[in-house]
């Protein structure tokens, strides 16, 4: 990853580079946000008696992936804190996958729809793991 004064460089899948100035510029953030919004829309169809259980939990965990990414981005000054928040984001993504499984088993979501979201969270998790394993490329370097 190449550094610039005004932001970070992120190599996109097509090989082009894009300057990253804020967390909303990260592909992983955009994908997680889009997935969370899809879950929000789909969960509107869950039964009312699930309002404070599954509906609330799946919405919270999916949104928390994005919130933890935003926090991680602002904690890049301290690599350990950055990695910790990315770990929180990973955990929330995995929790969201679990709720998707429950939604299918409870017949609240069709298996193919949940499967698409589950696969999207697999991709998000992969991107998060890559950020963790390459955390030194994302963190600020402080000179003594």
N, C-alpha and C. Protein backbone atom coordinates (compact mmCIF):
# COMPACT_ATOMS: atom_id res chain seq x y z
N UNK A 1 0.84 -1.16 0.00
CA UNK A 1 0.00 0.00 0.00
C UNK A 1 0.90 1.24 0.00
N UNK A 2 0.62 2.17 -0.82
CA UNK A 2 1.42 3.37 -0.98
C UNK A 2 0.82 4.51 -0.16
N UNK A 3 1.68 5.28 0.49
CA UNK A 3 1.23 6.40 1.33
C UNK A 3 1.13 7.68 0.50
N UNK A 4 0.22 8.53 0.89
CA UNK A 4 0.12 9.88 0.35
C UNK A 4 -0.08 10.82 1.51
N UNK A 5 0.26 12.08 1.34
CA UNK A 5 0.10 13.05 2.42
C UNK A 5 -1.35 13.22 2.83
N UNK A 6 -2.25 13.23 1.89
CA UNK A 6 -3.65 13.54 2.19
C UNK A 6 -4.53 12.32 2.37
N UNK A 7 -3.97 11.13 2.39
CA UNK A 7 -4.80 9.96 2.59
C UNK A 7 -4.05 8.68 2.31
N UNK A 8 -4.75 7.58 2.39
CA UNK A 8 -4.18 6.27 2.14
C UNK A 8 -4.53 5.85 0.72
N UNK A 9 -3.74 4.94 0.20
CA UNK A 9 -4.05 4.38 -1.11
C UNK A 9 -4.61 2.98 -0.90
N UNK A 10 -5.68 2.66 -1.58
CA UNK A 10 -6.26 1.33 -1.51
C UNK A 10 -6.33 0.79 -2.94
N UNK A 11 -5.78 -0.39 -3.15
CA UNK A 11 -5.83 -0.99 -4.47
C UNK A 11 -7.19 -1.66 -4.64
N UNK A 12 -7.89 -1.26 -5.66
CA UNK A 12 -9.21 -1.81 -5.95
C UNK A 12 -9.06 -3.13 -6.70
N UNK A 13 -10.14 -3.89 -6.81
CA UNK A 13 -10.10 -5.17 -7.51
C UNK A 13 -9.66 -5.03 -8.97
N UNK A 14 -9.96 -3.90 -9.60
CA UNK A 14 -9.58 -3.72 -10.99
C UNK A 14 -8.13 -3.27 -11.15
N UNK A 15 -7.40 -3.17 -10.02
CA UNK A 15 -5.99 -2.79 -10.06
C UNK A 15 -5.75 -1.31 -9.92
N UNK A 16 -6.80 -0.51 -10.04
CA UNK A 16 -6.65 0.93 -9.86
C UNK A 16 -6.52 1.26 -8.39
N UNK A 17 -5.91 2.39 -8.10
CA UNK A 17 -5.78 2.82 -6.71
C UNK A 17 -6.69 4.00 -6.46
N UNK A 18 -7.18 4.10 -5.25
CA UNK A 18 -8.09 5.17 -4.86
C UNK A 18 -7.61 5.73 -3.54
N UNK A 19 -7.64 7.04 -3.39
CA UNK A 19 -7.25 7.66 -2.14
C UNK A 19 -8.36 7.47 -1.11
N UNK A 20 -7.97 7.02 0.06
CA UNK A 20 -8.91 6.80 1.16
C UNK A 20 -8.68 7.90 2.17
N UNK A 21 -9.68 8.76 2.36
CA UNK A 21 -9.56 9.86 3.31
C UNK A 21 -10.39 9.62 4.57
N UNK A 22 -11.43 8.85 4.43
CA UNK A 22 -12.31 8.58 5.58
C UNK A 22 -12.85 7.16 5.47
N UNK A 23 -13.40 6.69 6.56
CA UNK A 23 -13.88 5.31 6.59
C UNK A 23 -14.93 5.02 5.52
N UNK A 24 -15.71 6.02 5.15
CA UNK A 24 -16.75 5.81 4.14
C UNK A 24 -16.18 5.57 2.75
N UNK A 25 -14.88 5.82 2.56
CA UNK A 25 -14.22 5.55 1.29
C UNK A 25 -13.78 4.10 1.16
N UNK A 26 -13.76 3.37 2.25
CA UNK A 26 -13.33 1.97 2.23
C UNK A 26 -14.38 1.09 1.56
N UNK A 27 -13.94 0.22 0.66
CA UNK A 27 -14.87 -0.69 0.00
C UNK A 27 -15.56 -1.60 1.03
N UNK A 28 -14.82 -2.06 2.03
CA UNK A 28 -15.40 -2.94 3.03
C UNK A 28 -16.51 -2.21 3.80
N UNK A 29 -16.32 -0.94 4.08
CA UNK A 29 -17.36 -0.16 4.77
C UNK A 29 -18.61 -0.03 3.88
N UNK A 30 -18.40 0.32 2.62
CA UNK A 30 -19.54 0.50 1.71
C UNK A 30 -20.33 -0.80 1.56
N UNK A 31 -19.62 -1.91 1.46
CA UNK A 31 -20.30 -3.20 1.32
C UNK A 31 -21.05 -3.56 2.59
N UNK A 32 -20.44 -3.33 3.74
CA UNK A 32 -21.09 -3.63 5.02
C UNK A 32 -22.32 -2.75 5.21
N UNK A 33 -22.21 -1.48 4.84
CA UNK A 33 -23.35 -0.56 4.98
C UNK A 33 -24.51 -1.00 4.08
N UNK A 34 -24.19 -1.35 2.85
CA UNK A 34 -25.22 -1.80 1.91
C UNK A 34 -25.90 -3.07 2.43
N UNK A 35 -25.11 -4.00 2.95
CA UNK A 35 -25.67 -5.25 3.49
C UNK A 35 -26.55 -4.96 4.70
N UNK A 36 -26.11 -4.06 5.57
CA UNK A 36 -26.91 -3.71 6.75
C UNK A 36 -28.24 -3.07 6.34
N UNK A 37 -28.22 -2.24 5.32
CA UNK A 37 -29.47 -1.63 4.85
C UNK A 37 -30.40 -2.67 4.24
N UNK A 38 -29.82 -3.65 3.56
CA UNK A 38 -30.65 -4.72 3.00
C UNK A 38 -31.28 -5.53 4.13
N UNK A 39 -30.51 -5.82 5.15
CA UNK A 39 -31.04 -6.54 6.31
C UNK A 39 -32.15 -5.73 6.97
N UNK A 40 -31.95 -4.43 7.09
CA UNK A 40 -32.99 -3.57 7.67
C UNK A 40 -34.30 -3.71 6.90
N UNK A 41 -34.20 -3.61 5.59
CA UNK A 41 -35.42 -3.71 4.76
C UNK A 41 -36.08 -5.08 4.88
N UNK A 42 -35.27 -6.13 4.81
CA UNK A 42 -35.81 -7.48 4.91
C UNK A 42 -36.41 -7.76 6.29
N UNK A 43 -35.78 -7.22 7.33
CA UNK A 43 -36.26 -7.50 8.70
C UNK A 43 -37.57 -6.78 9.01
N UNK A 44 -37.97 -5.85 8.19
CA UNK A 44 -39.28 -5.21 8.37
C UNK A 44 -40.40 -6.24 8.24
N UNK A 45 -40.11 -7.33 7.54
CA UNK A 45 -41.11 -8.38 7.35
C UNK A 45 -41.10 -9.45 8.43
N UNK A 46 -40.20 -9.34 9.40
CA UNK A 46 -40.17 -10.31 10.49
C UNK A 46 -41.42 -10.11 11.37
N UNK A 47 -41.86 -11.15 12.06
CA UNK A 47 -43.05 -11.03 12.92
C UNK A 47 -42.85 -10.00 14.04
N UNK A 48 -43.94 -9.38 14.44
CA UNK A 48 -43.89 -8.36 15.51
C UNK A 48 -43.34 -8.94 16.81
N UNK A 49 -43.63 -10.21 17.09
CA UNK A 49 -43.17 -10.79 18.34
C UNK A 49 -41.65 -11.00 18.35
N UNK A 50 -40.99 -10.77 17.23
CA UNK A 50 -39.52 -10.84 17.15
C UNK A 50 -38.88 -9.45 17.25
N UNK A 51 -39.69 -8.41 17.44
CA UNK A 51 -39.17 -7.05 17.42
C UNK A 51 -38.00 -6.84 18.37
N UNK A 52 -38.10 -7.35 19.58
CA UNK A 52 -37.04 -7.12 20.57
C UNK A 52 -36.06 -8.29 20.66
N UNK A 53 -36.23 -9.24 19.79
CA UNK A 53 -35.32 -10.39 19.78
C UNK A 53 -34.54 -10.38 18.47
N UNK A 54 -34.95 -11.19 17.54
CA UNK A 54 -34.17 -11.36 16.32
C UNK A 54 -34.08 -10.08 15.49
N UNK A 55 -35.16 -9.37 15.31
CA UNK A 55 -35.13 -8.15 14.49
C UNK A 55 -34.13 -7.16 15.04
N UNK A 56 -34.21 -6.91 16.32
CA UNK A 56 -33.30 -5.96 16.95
C UNK A 56 -31.85 -6.45 16.88
N UNK A 57 -31.63 -7.73 17.14
CA UNK A 57 -30.27 -8.27 17.18
C UNK A 57 -29.60 -8.26 15.81
N UNK A 58 -30.32 -8.66 14.77
CA UNK A 58 -29.70 -8.71 13.45
C UNK A 58 -29.43 -7.29 12.93
N UNK A 59 -30.32 -6.37 13.25
CA UNK A 59 -30.08 -4.97 12.86
C UNK A 59 -28.88 -4.40 13.59
N UNK A 60 -28.81 -4.65 14.90
CA UNK A 60 -27.68 -4.12 15.69
C UNK A 60 -26.35 -4.69 15.24
N UNK A 61 -26.28 -6.00 15.05
CA UNK A 61 -24.99 -6.60 14.68
C UNK A 61 -24.56 -6.15 13.29
N UNK A 62 -25.49 -6.06 12.34
CA UNK A 62 -25.11 -5.65 10.99
C UNK A 62 -24.65 -4.19 10.97
N UNK A 63 -25.30 -3.34 11.74
CA UNK A 63 -24.90 -1.94 11.81
C UNK A 63 -23.58 -1.77 12.57
N UNK A 64 -23.36 -2.64 13.53
CA UNK A 64 -22.15 -2.56 14.33
C UNK A 64 -20.89 -2.87 13.53
N UNK A 65 -21.03 -3.65 12.47
CA UNK A 65 -19.88 -3.90 11.59
C UNK A 65 -19.37 -2.55 11.09
N UNK A 66 -20.28 -1.72 10.61
CA UNK A 66 -19.92 -0.39 10.09
C UNK A 66 -19.41 0.53 11.19
N UNK A 67 -20.08 0.55 12.31
CA UNK A 67 -19.69 1.43 13.42
C UNK A 67 -18.29 1.09 13.92
N UNK A 68 -17.99 -0.18 14.05
CA UNK A 68 -16.66 -0.59 14.49
C UNK A 68 -15.59 -0.28 13.45
N UNK A 69 -15.94 -0.37 12.19
CA UNK A 69 -15.00 0.02 11.13
C UNK A 69 -14.68 1.51 11.22
N UNK A 70 -15.71 2.31 11.47
CA UNK A 70 -15.49 3.76 11.61
C UNK A 70 -14.57 4.04 12.79
N UNK A 71 -14.80 3.37 13.90
CA UNK A 71 -13.93 3.55 15.07
C UNK A 71 -12.51 3.07 14.78
N UNK A 72 -12.39 1.95 14.12
CA UNK A 72 -11.06 1.42 13.78
C UNK A 72 -10.30 2.42 12.92
N UNK A 73 -10.99 2.99 11.95
CA UNK A 73 -10.34 3.95 11.05
C UNK A 73 -9.74 5.12 11.84
N UNK A 74 -10.44 5.60 12.83
CA UNK A 74 -9.97 6.72 13.63
C UNK A 74 -8.96 6.32 14.70
N UNK A 75 -8.74 5.03 14.87
CA UNK A 75 -7.76 4.55 15.84
C UNK A 75 -6.49 4.04 15.18
N UNK A 76 -6.30 4.37 13.92
CA UNK A 76 -5.11 3.89 13.19
C UNK A 76 -3.81 4.39 13.78
N UNK A 77 -3.86 5.43 14.56
CA UNK A 77 -2.65 5.97 15.20
C UNK A 77 -2.02 4.92 16.12
N UNK A 78 -2.86 4.08 16.69
CA UNK A 78 -2.41 3.04 17.61
C UNK A 78 -2.78 1.69 17.00
N UNK A 79 -1.78 1.00 16.46
CA UNK A 79 -2.04 -0.22 15.70
C UNK A 79 -2.83 -1.27 16.49
N UNK A 80 -2.51 -1.43 17.77
CA UNK A 80 -3.22 -2.42 18.58
C UNK A 80 -4.70 -2.07 18.73
N UNK A 81 -5.00 -0.79 18.92
CA UNK A 81 -6.40 -0.35 19.03
C UNK A 81 -7.12 -0.53 17.70
N UNK A 82 -6.43 -0.23 16.62
CA UNK A 82 -6.98 -0.40 15.28
C UNK A 82 -7.35 -1.87 15.05
N UNK A 83 -6.43 -2.76 15.35
CA UNK A 83 -6.66 -4.20 15.16
C UNK A 83 -7.79 -4.69 16.07
N UNK A 84 -7.84 -4.18 17.29
CA UNK A 84 -8.89 -4.56 18.22
C UNK A 84 -10.28 -4.20 17.69
N UNK A 85 -10.43 -3.00 17.16
CA UNK A 85 -11.73 -2.57 16.63
C UNK A 85 -12.09 -3.36 15.38
N UNK A 86 -11.08 -3.70 14.56
CA UNK A 86 -11.35 -4.55 13.40
C UNK A 86 -11.83 -5.93 13.87
N UNK A 87 -11.25 -6.43 14.96
CA UNK A 87 -11.71 -7.69 15.53
C UNK A 87 -13.15 -7.61 15.99
N UNK A 88 -13.52 -6.48 16.58
CA UNK A 88 -14.92 -6.28 16.98
C UNK A 88 -15.83 -6.30 15.75
N UNK A 89 -15.38 -5.68 14.68
CA UNK A 89 -16.15 -5.67 13.44
C UNK A 89 -16.31 -7.08 12.87
N UNK A 90 -15.23 -7.85 12.92
CA UNK A 90 -15.29 -9.26 12.49
C UNK A 90 -16.33 -10.03 13.31
N UNK A 91 -16.29 -9.85 14.61
CA UNK A 91 -17.21 -10.58 15.49
C UNK A 91 -18.66 -10.22 15.17
N UNK A 92 -18.92 -8.96 14.92
CA UNK A 92 -20.29 -8.53 14.60
C UNK A 92 -20.74 -9.09 13.25
N UNK A 93 -19.82 -9.19 12.29
CA UNK A 93 -20.16 -9.78 10.99
C UNK A 93 -20.52 -11.25 11.15
N UNK A 94 -19.75 -11.96 11.97
CA UNK A 94 -20.03 -13.37 12.22
C UNK A 94 -21.36 -13.53 12.97
N UNK A 95 -21.63 -12.62 13.91
CA UNK A 95 -22.92 -12.67 14.62
C UNK A 95 -24.07 -12.46 13.63
N UNK A 96 -23.89 -11.55 12.71
CA UNK A 96 -24.93 -11.30 11.70
C UNK A 96 -25.19 -12.56 10.89
N UNK A 97 -24.13 -13.28 10.54
CA UNK A 97 -24.31 -14.53 9.81
C UNK A 97 -25.13 -15.54 10.63
N UNK A 98 -24.89 -15.57 11.92
CA UNK A 98 -25.65 -16.48 12.79
C UNK A 98 -27.13 -16.11 12.79
N UNK A 99 -27.43 -14.82 12.90
CA UNK A 99 -28.82 -14.38 12.87
C UNK A 99 -29.47 -14.69 11.53
N UNK A 100 -28.70 -14.60 10.45
CA UNK A 100 -29.24 -14.98 9.13
C UNK A 100 -29.63 -16.45 9.12
N UNK A 101 -28.81 -17.29 9.73
CA UNK A 101 -29.15 -18.72 9.81
C UNK A 101 -30.44 -18.93 10.59
N UNK A 102 -30.57 -18.23 11.72
CA UNK A 102 -31.80 -18.34 12.50
C UNK A 102 -33.01 -17.86 11.70
N UNK A 103 -32.85 -16.78 10.97
CA UNK A 103 -33.95 -16.23 10.18
C UNK A 103 -34.44 -17.23 9.14
N UNK A 104 -33.52 -17.98 8.56
CA UNK A 104 -33.91 -19.01 7.59
C UNK A 104 -34.65 -20.14 8.30
N UNK A 105 -34.09 -20.62 9.40
CA UNK A 105 -34.68 -21.74 10.12
C UNK A 105 -36.05 -21.40 10.71
N UNK A 106 -36.25 -20.13 11.02
CA UNK A 106 -37.55 -19.69 11.55
C UNK A 106 -38.51 -19.29 10.43
N UNK A 107 -38.08 -19.47 9.19
CA UNK A 107 -38.88 -19.14 7.99
C UNK A 107 -39.19 -17.65 7.87
N UNK A 108 -38.29 -16.81 8.32
CA UNK A 108 -38.44 -15.36 8.18
C UNK A 108 -37.77 -14.86 6.91
N UNK A 109 -36.76 -15.59 6.44
CA UNK A 109 -36.06 -15.25 5.20
C UNK A 109 -35.97 -16.48 4.31
N UNK A 110 -36.04 -16.25 3.02
CA UNK A 110 -35.85 -17.35 2.08
C UNK A 110 -34.37 -17.73 2.08
N UNK A 111 -34.12 -19.01 1.94
CA UNK A 111 -32.76 -19.53 2.00
C UNK A 111 -31.83 -18.86 0.98
N UNK A 112 -32.30 -18.62 -0.24
CA UNK A 112 -31.43 -18.02 -1.26
C UNK A 112 -31.09 -16.57 -0.93
N UNK A 113 -32.04 -15.83 -0.39
CA UNK A 113 -31.80 -14.43 -0.02
C UNK A 113 -30.79 -14.37 1.13
N UNK A 114 -31.02 -15.19 2.14
CA UNK A 114 -30.09 -15.23 3.28
C UNK A 114 -28.73 -15.73 2.82
N UNK A 115 -28.70 -16.67 1.90
CA UNK A 115 -27.44 -17.18 1.38
C UNK A 115 -26.61 -16.11 0.69
N UNK A 116 -27.29 -15.23 -0.06
CA UNK A 116 -26.58 -14.13 -0.71
C UNK A 116 -25.97 -13.19 0.34
N UNK A 117 -26.74 -12.88 1.37
CA UNK A 117 -26.23 -12.01 2.44
C UNK A 117 -25.11 -12.70 3.21
N UNK A 118 -25.27 -13.98 3.47
CA UNK A 118 -24.24 -14.73 4.18
C UNK A 118 -22.92 -14.69 3.39
N UNK A 119 -23.02 -14.88 2.08
CA UNK A 119 -21.83 -14.84 1.23
C UNK A 119 -21.22 -13.43 1.22
N UNK A 120 -22.05 -12.42 1.25
CA UNK A 120 -21.54 -11.05 1.30
C UNK A 120 -20.78 -10.81 2.60
N UNK A 121 -21.30 -11.33 3.70
CA UNK A 121 -20.58 -11.20 4.97
C UNK A 121 -19.30 -12.04 4.99
N UNK A 122 -19.26 -13.15 4.25
CA UNK A 122 -18.01 -13.89 4.10
C UNK A 122 -16.96 -13.00 3.41
N UNK A 123 -17.39 -12.29 2.37
CA UNK A 123 -16.48 -11.39 1.66
C UNK A 123 -16.02 -10.24 2.56
N UNK A 124 -16.95 -9.70 3.33
CA UNK A 124 -16.63 -8.62 4.28
C UNK A 124 -15.63 -9.12 5.31
N UNK A 125 -15.87 -10.31 5.84
CA UNK A 125 -14.94 -10.90 6.80
C UNK A 125 -13.55 -11.08 6.20
N UNK A 126 -13.50 -11.52 4.97
CA UNK A 126 -12.21 -11.68 4.29
C UNK A 126 -11.47 -10.36 4.18
N UNK A 127 -12.19 -9.30 3.87
CA UNK A 127 -11.58 -7.97 3.76
C UNK A 127 -11.08 -7.49 5.12
N UNK A 128 -11.84 -7.76 6.15
CA UNK A 128 -11.44 -7.36 7.51
C UNK A 128 -10.19 -8.13 7.95
N UNK A 129 -10.17 -9.42 7.68
CA UNK A 129 -9.00 -10.23 8.04
C UNK A 129 -7.77 -9.72 7.31
N UNK A 130 -7.93 -9.37 6.06
CA UNK A 130 -6.80 -8.83 5.29
C UNK A 130 -6.29 -7.53 5.91
N UNK A 131 -7.22 -6.68 6.35
CA UNK A 131 -6.80 -5.43 7.01
C UNK A 131 -6.04 -5.72 8.30
N UNK A 132 -6.49 -6.72 9.04
CA UNK A 132 -5.81 -7.08 10.29
C UNK A 132 -4.41 -7.62 9.99
N UNK A 133 -4.31 -8.52 9.03
CA UNK A 133 -3.01 -9.12 8.74
C UNK A 133 -2.04 -8.13 8.09
N UNK A 134 -2.58 -7.05 7.55
CA UNK A 134 -1.74 -6.01 6.97
C UNK A 134 -1.91 -4.69 7.72
N UNK A 135 -2.15 -4.80 9.03
CA UNK A 135 -2.46 -3.61 9.83
C UNK A 135 -1.36 -2.56 9.79
N UNK A 136 -0.12 -2.99 9.66
CA UNK A 136 0.98 -2.01 9.62
C UNK A 136 0.86 -1.10 8.39
N UNK A 137 0.23 -1.59 7.33
CA UNK A 137 0.03 -0.76 6.14
C UNK A 137 -1.05 0.29 6.34
N UNK A 138 -1.93 0.06 7.27
CA UNK A 138 -3.05 0.98 7.52
C UNK A 138 -2.77 1.93 8.67
N UNK A 139 -1.93 1.52 9.59
CA UNK A 139 -1.65 2.31 10.79
C UNK A 139 -0.66 3.42 10.49
N UNK A 140 -0.74 4.48 11.29
CA UNK A 140 0.22 5.57 11.17
C UNK A 140 1.55 5.09 11.75
N UNK A 141 2.60 5.52 11.16
CA UNK A 141 3.93 5.25 11.70
C UNK A 141 4.39 6.48 12.46
N UNK A 142 4.74 6.28 13.70
CA UNK A 142 5.25 7.39 14.49
C UNK A 142 6.76 7.28 14.53
N UNK A 143 7.43 8.40 14.37
CA UNK A 143 8.90 8.40 14.43
C UNK A 143 9.33 8.88 15.78
N UNK A 144 10.40 8.28 16.33
CA UNK A 144 10.86 8.66 17.68
C UNK A 144 11.41 10.05 17.72
